Each structure stands twice: as structure tokens, then as C-alpha cells.
Amino acid sequence: MNRVATAAVLIPLVILALFKAPLWLFTLLVFGVAVLAAHEYFGIVRAQGFRPFAAVSYLFLALSFGSLYALAYFASIDYVDGAGGLAVILMLGLLGGLGLITLTAALVLLLGGMGRDPLSQALPDASVTLMALPYIGFTLGLLPLLRVPSNGALYVLYLMLLVWCGDIAAYYVGRAIGKHKLAPRVSPGKTWEGAIASVLAAAAVGLLLFRFIEPITHLLRSAALLAQPSHTYTPAPFRSAPLWLVVLFAISVNVAAQMGDLVESALKRGAGVKDSGTLLPGHGGVLDRIDALLFALPVGLIFIVTGLGRYFSDFSQ
């Protein structure tokens, strides 16, 4: 009951923030989630005997999200009269800045490690702290970037629905008929039957979502979640995405999500803890809820920059 009640509260809030929050607020909300997830991650690594530099990590998480927000902001500006080249230069500079943040964080953490006693903990403590940046910060930081393009919020919603539906299918099918263990050392409860059901469910949901993208868009506009087109402009129909591309997208997102789930299970099992936290009744911690999304978001970025985004544009924005 707690699991259903928590989901019933969280999902509408996530959708509302995704479609209605201005970019700065959306980025700030995602950053808040990243901080909570990082806090739980550090709890897991402490349970394994490490002593992470949490304060330093939060500082570099903030710097990373600042850079990613700036990148998303410049990407959202409609440049004219040849200014697009300037936007490209700025965005490349910001991406270089993100790399510089990572390099600086690594060096700062290694310097801080010199104060560890025993010194044999210097490198492990610095390493587990640095891992929080790519694992949590950079992945969640993709959300503002993916939201920026025309109907980007719809794209992110589709990606999330694929993750959620696959997770639900794996859970219920695995409990009902699961017999063959998927990764018993990492997560004894997961089965091949559940994993296969998750892939099939994601593919089916992906096909349905793309098949009905126009009525879904109209429904979101009716609910005032998407902006209405101008009265003097009739948006063109959505382009139909090839079936093979839809299936490839859905399966790729699903497989990445399942890997993300297994990775967090391995971290928790290594630490001897059941959940990353207790913040969400019936769901465990924040990291427990976003572990699959952390691996799915980079896949979503790959697909949108390689052309999938064109099938989410009706030219009404």
C-alpha cells in the first residue's frame, strides 16, 4: 500500500515539474534529487568501510550542475543572423568546463587523501568520492539538456515511461513465474523471466507511445502541460518513426535501465544493506528509485542527438 501511495504522489509531481517548471527551477529540483542520491550513495560506501569526502563532492556536484544548466540555457536560445556558431562555441566550452571540473575534483580529492590515516585509504576514499560525479551528477544532469529541444519534455516522459513499465513488468512477472536467476550474486530476486518480460514490455509500450504520439500530445495540451500552438498556425503532423528504430530505442533504454538496477544492487549487497535509504515509504531511498534512470539517460541522449528527436517535433514550438 505504501508503495502505491508513494508512486501516486511522486509521479504527478515529476510530470508537473517536467512540463511546467522553468529551466532554472527544473535544474534546481534535479540537483536536489542528485544531492539526496549522493547522500545515500555515501551511506552505502561508508557501510563498506570507506570514508568519502562528502562535502567536497557536493561542491563539485553543484559546479557540474551549474555548467550543465548553462549548457542547457544556451542550447535553448534561438540564435539568428549567424549567431549559431557562437552558441556551438559556448556549448563546447561548457562541455570542456565539465571535463575541467572532473579533473580538478580528482586532484583535490587526491590532495585531501594525504590526510587519511592509514594512508592506504587515501586512494580508495578519493576514488569512491569521485565516482559520485559521473554516476549520479553527470547522468541526472542530462535531464535539463534532454528537456530543452522542442517537445523535449515529451521525449523525457517517454523515456521515463519505458523505464517504469519495464520495471513493473520485471517485478510482477518475476514474482509470478520467475525460476531462473539472472544474477544471484548481485540480486537473488531477479530472474531471466522477469528480465525478458521487462524487455518485451518496453518494446510494446514504446510502439504504443510512438503510434499515439499525436493524441498523447493533444491530451497534454488539453491538460495545459504543453503549450498550445498559435491560433494562426496549424502544427504539421508528427513524422512516423520507423518501427525498427522505435524497438531499438525501447530495448536499448530498457537494457540500460536493468543494468543500472543491477549496479545499485551490487553496491548495496557489497555493503550489506537492503535499501539505499528510507525517504520514500515502500520504495526505499531516492537512489533506489533512480538507479535504472541513471543508466537510461545517457542512452536517451545518444538517441536524441543521432536523430530520434525529429520524431517528437510537430513544428508547433
Protein backbone atom coordinates (compact mmCIF):
# COMPACT_ATOMS: atom_id res chain seq x y z
CA MET A 1 0.00 0.00 0.00
CA ASN A 2 2.83 2.42 0.88
CA ARG A 3 4.49 1.62 -2.44
CA VAL A 4 1.37 2.53 -4.44
CA ALA A 5 0.60 5.62 -2.35
CA THR A 6 4.14 6.96 -2.73
CA ALA A 7 4.05 6.41 -6.51
CA ALA A 8 0.63 8.07 -6.74
CA VAL A 9 2.10 11.21 -5.15
CA LEU A 10 5.51 11.27 -6.81
CA ILE A 11 4.58 10.55 -10.45
CA PRO A 12 2.22 13.56 -10.86
CA LEU A 13 4.81 15.81 -9.18
CA VAL A 14 7.53 14.57 -11.53
CA ILE A 15 5.32 15.14 -14.59
CA LEU A 16 4.29 18.60 -13.37
CA ALA A 17 7.91 19.64 -12.83
CA LEU A 18 8.96 18.16 -16.16
CA PHE A 19 6.39 20.08 -18.20
CA LYS A 20 5.74 23.26 -16.24
CA ALA A 21 8.81 24.23 -14.22
CA PRO A 22 11.07 26.88 -15.82
CA LEU A 23 14.51 25.62 -16.77
CA TRP A 24 16.27 27.09 -13.73
CA LEU A 25 13.75 25.58 -11.31
CA PHE A 26 13.74 22.22 -13.07
CA THR A 27 17.54 22.11 -12.91
CA LEU A 28 17.45 23.06 -9.22
CA LEU A 29 14.93 20.30 -8.47
CA VAL A 30 17.03 17.72 -10.31
CA PHE A 31 20.09 18.95 -8.40
CA GLY A 32 18.20 18.41 -5.15
CA VAL A 33 17.48 14.83 -6.18
CA ALA A 34 21.16 14.38 -7.07
CA VAL A 35 22.24 15.59 -3.63
CA LEU A 36 19.84 13.20 -1.90
CA ALA A 37 21.02 10.31 -4.09
CA ALA A 38 24.67 11.19 -3.45
CA HIS A 39 24.00 11.27 0.29
CA GLU A 40 22.58 7.74 0.08
CA TYR A 41 25.47 6.62 -2.11
CA PHE A 42 27.92 7.84 0.51
CA GLY A 43 25.98 5.91 3.15
CA ILE A 44 26.48 2.76 1.08
CA VAL A 45 30.21 3.30 0.66
CA ARG A 46 30.61 4.11 4.36
CA ALA A 47 28.98 0.78 5.15
CA GLN A 48 31.80 -0.83 3.15
CA GLY A 49 34.45 0.86 5.29
CA PHE A 50 35.27 3.87 3.11
CA ARG A 51 35.30 7.48 4.30
CA PRO A 52 34.17 9.65 1.39
CA PHE A 53 34.86 13.38 1.14
CA ALA A 54 31.16 14.21 1.03
CA ALA A 55 31.42 18.00 1.38
CA VAL A 56 33.91 18.22 -1.50
CA SER A 57 31.67 16.03 -3.64
CA TYR A 58 28.62 18.22 -3.02
CA LEU A 59 30.66 21.27 -4.05
CA PHE A 60 31.69 19.71 -7.36
CA LEU A 61 28.15 18.40 -7.91
CA ALA A 62 26.95 21.99 -7.63
CA LEU A 63 29.63 23.20 -10.06
CA SER A 64 28.69 20.42 -12.50
CA PHE A 65 25.01 21.29 -12.41
CA GLY A 66 25.86 24.96 -12.87
CA SER A 67 27.78 24.08 -16.03
CA LEU A 68 25.03 21.78 -17.29
CA TYR A 69 22.39 24.44 -16.63
CA ALA A 70 24.43 26.97 -18.60
CA LEU A 71 24.75 24.46 -21.44
CA ALA A 72 21.00 23.82 -21.42
CA TYR A 73 20.29 27.56 -21.28
CA PHE A 74 22.45 28.38 -24.30
CA ALA A 75 21.02 25.41 -26.18
CA SER A 76 17.51 26.78 -25.56
CA ILE A 77 18.23 30.18 -27.14
CA ASP A 78 17.12 30.70 -30.73
CA TYR A 79 20.17 32.25 -32.33
CA VAL A 80 19.78 34.18 -35.59
CA ASP A 81 21.98 36.07 -38.03
CA GLY A 82 24.88 33.65 -37.81
CA ALA A 83 25.00 33.59 -34.02
CA GLY A 84 24.51 29.82 -34.06
CA GLY A 85 28.28 29.38 -34.42
CA LEU A 86 28.74 31.33 -31.21
CA ALA A 87 26.27 29.02 -29.47
CA VAL A 88 28.25 25.99 -30.62
CA ILE A 89 31.48 27.51 -29.33
CA LEU A 90 29.88 28.33 -25.99
CA MET A 91 28.42 24.83 -25.63
CA LEU A 92 31.72 23.18 -26.49
CA GLY A 93 33.42 25.44 -23.97
CA LEU A 94 30.95 24.41 -21.29
CA LEU A 95 31.48 20.74 -22.07
CA GLY A 96 35.20 21.38 -21.75
CA GLY A 97 34.44 23.08 -18.43
CA LEU A 98 32.69 19.92 -17.24
CA GLY A 99 35.81 17.93 -18.04
CA LEU A 100 37.88 20.51 -16.19
CA ILE A 101 35.62 20.15 -13.15
CA THR A 102 36.18 16.39 -13.17
CA LEU A 103 39.94 16.78 -13.45
CA THR A 104 40.02 19.39 -10.69
CA ALA A 105 37.86 17.24 -8.44
CA ALA A 106 40.18 14.27 -8.89
CA LEU A 107 43.24 16.32 -7.99
CA VAL A 108 41.57 17.97 -5.00
CA LEU A 109 40.41 14.61 -3.66
CA LEU A 110 43.87 13.10 -4.05
CA LEU A 111 45.34 16.04 -2.14
CA GLY A 112 42.74 15.57 0.57
CA GLY A 113 43.59 11.90 0.74
CA MET A 114 47.04 12.75 2.08
CA GLY A 115 45.41 13.44 5.42
CA ARG A 116 43.93 9.95 5.68
CA ASP A 117 45.16 7.60 8.40
CA PRO A 118 46.13 4.98 7.38
CA LEU A 119 47.47 6.30 4.08
CA SER A 120 46.30 3.11 2.39
CA GLN A 121 42.80 4.69 2.49
CA ALA A 122 43.82 7.78 0.54
CA LEU A 123 43.23 6.38 -2.95
CA PRO A 124 40.10 4.29 -2.17
CA ASP A 125 38.39 7.17 -0.35
CA ALA A 126 39.22 9.63 -3.14
CA SER A 127 38.07 7.16 -5.81
CA VAL A 128 34.67 6.32 -4.30
CA THR A 129 34.04 10.03 -3.78
CA LEU A 130 34.93 10.93 -7.37
CA MET A 131 32.64 8.18 -8.68
CA ALA A 132 29.61 10.10 -7.41
CA LEU A 133 30.15 12.73 -10.13
CA PRO A 134 29.70 10.56 -13.25
CA TYR A 135 27.41 8.02 -11.59
CA ILE A 136 24.88 10.50 -10.21
CA GLY A 137 25.77 14.07 -11.13
CA PHE A 138 26.52 13.86 -14.83
CA THR A 139 23.73 11.38 -15.57
CA LEU A 140 20.95 13.27 -13.78
CA GLY A 141 22.40 16.48 -15.18
CA LEU A 142 21.38 15.28 -18.64
CA LEU A 143 17.70 15.83 -17.75
CA PRO A 144 17.76 19.62 -18.34
CA LEU A 145 19.62 19.06 -21.63
CA LEU A 146 17.14 16.47 -22.86
CA ARG A 147 14.24 18.73 -21.90
CA VAL A 148 15.47 21.72 -23.92
CA PRO A 149 14.55 20.73 -27.54
CA SER A 150 11.07 21.19 -28.97
CA ASN A 151 8.81 18.75 -27.12
CA GLY A 152 11.87 17.65 -25.12
CA ALA A 153 9.69 17.16 -22.05
CA LEU A 154 7.61 14.68 -24.03
CA TYR A 155 10.78 12.81 -25.01
CA VAL A 156 11.91 12.60 -21.37
CA LEU A 157 8.44 11.42 -20.34
CA TYR A 158 8.57 8.65 -22.96
CA LEU A 159 11.99 7.59 -21.72
CA MET A 160 10.77 7.50 -18.10
CA LEU A 161 7.67 5.54 -19.05
CA LEU A 162 9.85 2.92 -20.76
CA VAL A 163 11.92 2.60 -17.59
CA TRP A 164 8.91 2.44 -15.28
CA CYS A 165 6.90 -0.02 -17.39
CA GLY A 166 9.88 -2.31 -17.79
CA ASP A 167 10.49 -2.24 -14.03
CA ILE A 168 6.85 -3.08 -13.30
CA ALA A 169 6.83 -5.97 -15.78
CA ALA A 170 10.07 -7.40 -14.37
CA TYR A 171 8.74 -7.19 -10.81
CA TYR A 172 5.38 -8.86 -11.35
CA VAL A 173 6.38 -11.44 -13.95
CA GLY A 174 9.49 -12.34 -11.95
CA ARG A 175 7.39 -12.90 -8.84
CA ALA A 176 4.76 -14.89 -10.71
CA ILE A 177 6.79 -17.26 -12.89
CA GLY A 178 10.46 -16.42 -12.33
CA LYS A 179 12.59 -19.53 -11.82
CA HIS A 180 15.96 -18.90 -13.44
CA LYS A 181 18.17 -16.46 -11.52
CA LEU A 182 19.56 -13.57 -13.54
CA ALA A 183 22.44 -12.55 -11.25
CA PRO A 184 22.23 -14.48 -7.96
CA ARG A 185 25.43 -12.97 -6.52
CA VAL A 186 24.18 -9.44 -7.15
CA SER A 187 20.40 -9.62 -6.79
CA PRO A 188 18.93 -13.05 -5.91
CA GLY A 189 15.38 -11.88 -6.53
CA LYS A 190 15.88 -11.01 -10.20
CA THR A 191 15.15 -13.66 -12.81
CA TRP A 192 15.64 -14.15 -16.54
CA GLU A 193 11.88 -14.44 -16.93
CA GLY A 194 11.44 -11.03 -15.34
CA ALA A 195 14.24 -9.51 -17.42
CA ILE A 196 12.79 -10.82 -20.69
CA ALA A 197 9.31 -9.64 -19.71
CA SER A 198 10.80 -6.22 -19.00
CA VAL A 199 12.35 -6.01 -22.48
CA LEU A 200 9.14 -7.14 -24.19
CA ALA A 201 7.02 -4.73 -22.16
CA ALA A 202 9.33 -1.83 -23.02
CA ALA A 203 9.18 -2.68 -26.72
CA ALA A 204 5.38 -2.92 -26.65
CA VAL A 205 4.97 0.31 -24.68
CA GLY A 206 7.43 2.07 -26.99
CA LEU A 207 5.44 1.06 -30.07
CA LEU A 208 2.20 2.24 -28.45
CA LEU A 209 3.67 5.55 -27.34
CA PHE A 210 5.03 6.36 -30.80
CA ARG A 211 1.87 5.12 -32.52
CA PHE A 212 -0.27 7.50 -30.49
CA ILE A 213 2.16 10.40 -30.11
CA GLU A 214 -0.27 12.92 -31.63
CA PRO A 215 -3.29 12.14 -29.39
CA ILE A 216 -0.97 12.00 -26.38
CA THR A 217 0.34 15.45 -27.30
CA HIS A 218 -3.21 16.78 -27.69
CA LEU A 219 -4.10 15.33 -24.28
CA LEU A 220 -1.10 17.02 -22.67
CA ARG A 221 -2.10 20.31 -24.30
CA SER A 222 -5.65 19.90 -23.01
CA ALA A 223 -4.20 19.42 -19.53
CA ALA A 224 -2.17 22.63 -20.00
CA LEU A 225 1.09 20.69 -19.68
CA LEU A 226 2.22 21.50 -23.22
CA ALA A 227 1.90 24.95 -24.75
CA GLN A 228 -0.93 25.49 -27.19
CA PRO A 229 0.11 26.37 -30.78
CA SER A 230 -0.69 29.81 -32.10
CA HIS A 231 -4.27 30.37 -33.32
CA THR A 232 -2.84 31.42 -36.66
CA TYR A 233 -0.74 28.28 -37.01
CA THR A 234 -1.73 24.69 -37.53
CA PRO A 235 1.09 22.33 -36.49
CA ALA A 236 2.22 19.78 -39.02
CA PRO A 237 1.64 16.10 -38.20
CA PHE A 238 4.33 14.24 -36.36
CA ARG A 239 6.63 12.22 -38.58
CA SER A 240 6.25 8.48 -38.14
CA ALA A 241 9.35 6.89 -36.66
CA PRO A 242 10.45 3.61 -38.29
CA LEU A 243 9.33 0.60 -36.28
CA TRP A 244 12.86 -0.79 -36.08
CA LEU A 245 14.09 2.49 -34.60
CA VAL A 246 11.31 2.57 -32.00
CA VAL A 247 12.01 -1.02 -30.95
CA LEU A 248 15.77 -0.40 -30.85
CA PHE A 249 15.22 2.72 -28.73
CA ALA A 250 12.88 0.96 -26.30
CA ILE A 251 15.07 -2.12 -25.90
CA SER A 252 18.26 -0.07 -25.52
CA VAL A 253 16.70 2.09 -22.81
CA ASN A 254 15.33 -1.00 -21.07
CA VAL A 255 18.60 -2.95 -21.11
CA ALA A 256 20.50 0.09 -19.82
CA ALA A 257 17.89 0.55 -17.08
CA GLN A 258 18.19 -3.07 -15.99
CA MET A 259 21.97 -2.70 -15.85
CA GLY A 260 21.57 0.39 -13.68
CA ASP A 261 19.32 -1.56 -11.33
CA LEU A 262 21.87 -4.39 -11.10
CA VAL A 263 24.75 -1.99 -10.46
CA GLU A 264 23.00 -0.42 -7.47
CA SER A 265 22.04 -3.88 -6.22
CA ALA A 266 25.71 -4.85 -6.35
CA LEU A 267 26.68 -1.75 -4.36
CA LYS A 268 24.05 -2.45 -1.71
CA ARG A 269 24.85 -6.15 -1.50
CA GLY A 270 28.53 -5.37 -1.10
CA ALA A 271 27.64 -3.03 1.76
CA GLY A 272 25.18 -5.47 3.33
CA VAL A 273 22.21 -3.08 3.14
CA LYS A 274 18.74 -3.74 1.74
CA ASP A 275 17.81 -0.21 0.64
CA SER A 276 19.83 2.92 -0.04
CA GLY A 277 17.58 4.87 2.34
CA THR A 278 14.14 5.18 3.89
CA LEU A 279 12.95 8.51 2.49
CA LEU A 280 10.28 7.01 0.20
CA PRO A 281 7.85 4.69 2.01
CA GLY A 282 7.57 1.37 0.22
CA HIS A 283 10.33 2.29 -2.23
CA GLY A 284 13.41 2.64 -0.06
CA GLY A 285 15.63 5.59 -0.86
CA VAL A 286 15.96 8.08 -3.69
CA LEU A 287 18.83 6.13 -5.24
CA ASP A 288 16.65 3.01 -5.24
CA ARG A 289 14.12 4.85 -7.41
CA ILE A 290 16.51 6.44 -9.89
CA ASP A 291 19.16 3.71 -10.25
CA ALA A 292 17.69 2.50 -13.56
CA LEU A 293 17.23 6.04 -14.86
CA LEU A 294 20.89 6.87 -14.24
CA PHE A 295 21.93 4.37 -16.92
CA ALA A 296 18.96 5.05 -19.22
CA LEU A 297 19.53 8.81 -19.55
CA PRO A 298 22.85 8.56 -21.44
CA VAL A 299 21.16 6.17 -23.87
CA GLY A 300 18.39 8.73 -24.29
CA LEU A 301 20.98 11.40 -25.08
CA ILE A 302 22.64 9.20 -27.70
CA PHE A 303 19.34 8.59 -29.47
CA ILE A 304 18.18 12.19 -29.46
CA VAL A 305 21.47 13.58 -30.81
CA THR A 306 21.54 10.92 -33.53
CA GLY A 307 18.14 11.90 -34.91
CA LEU A 308 15.33 10.42 -32.82
CA GLY A 309 14.33 13.90 -31.67
CA ARG A 310 12.96 14.75 -35.12
CA TYR A 311 10.03 12.39 -34.47
CA PHE A 312 8.99 14.43 -31.43
CA SER A 313 8.62 17.69 -33.38
CA ASP A 314 5.32 18.87 -34.83
CA PHE A 315 6.85 22.30 -35.56
CA SER A 316 4.41 23.95 -33.15
CA GLN A 317 7.02 25.25 -30.72
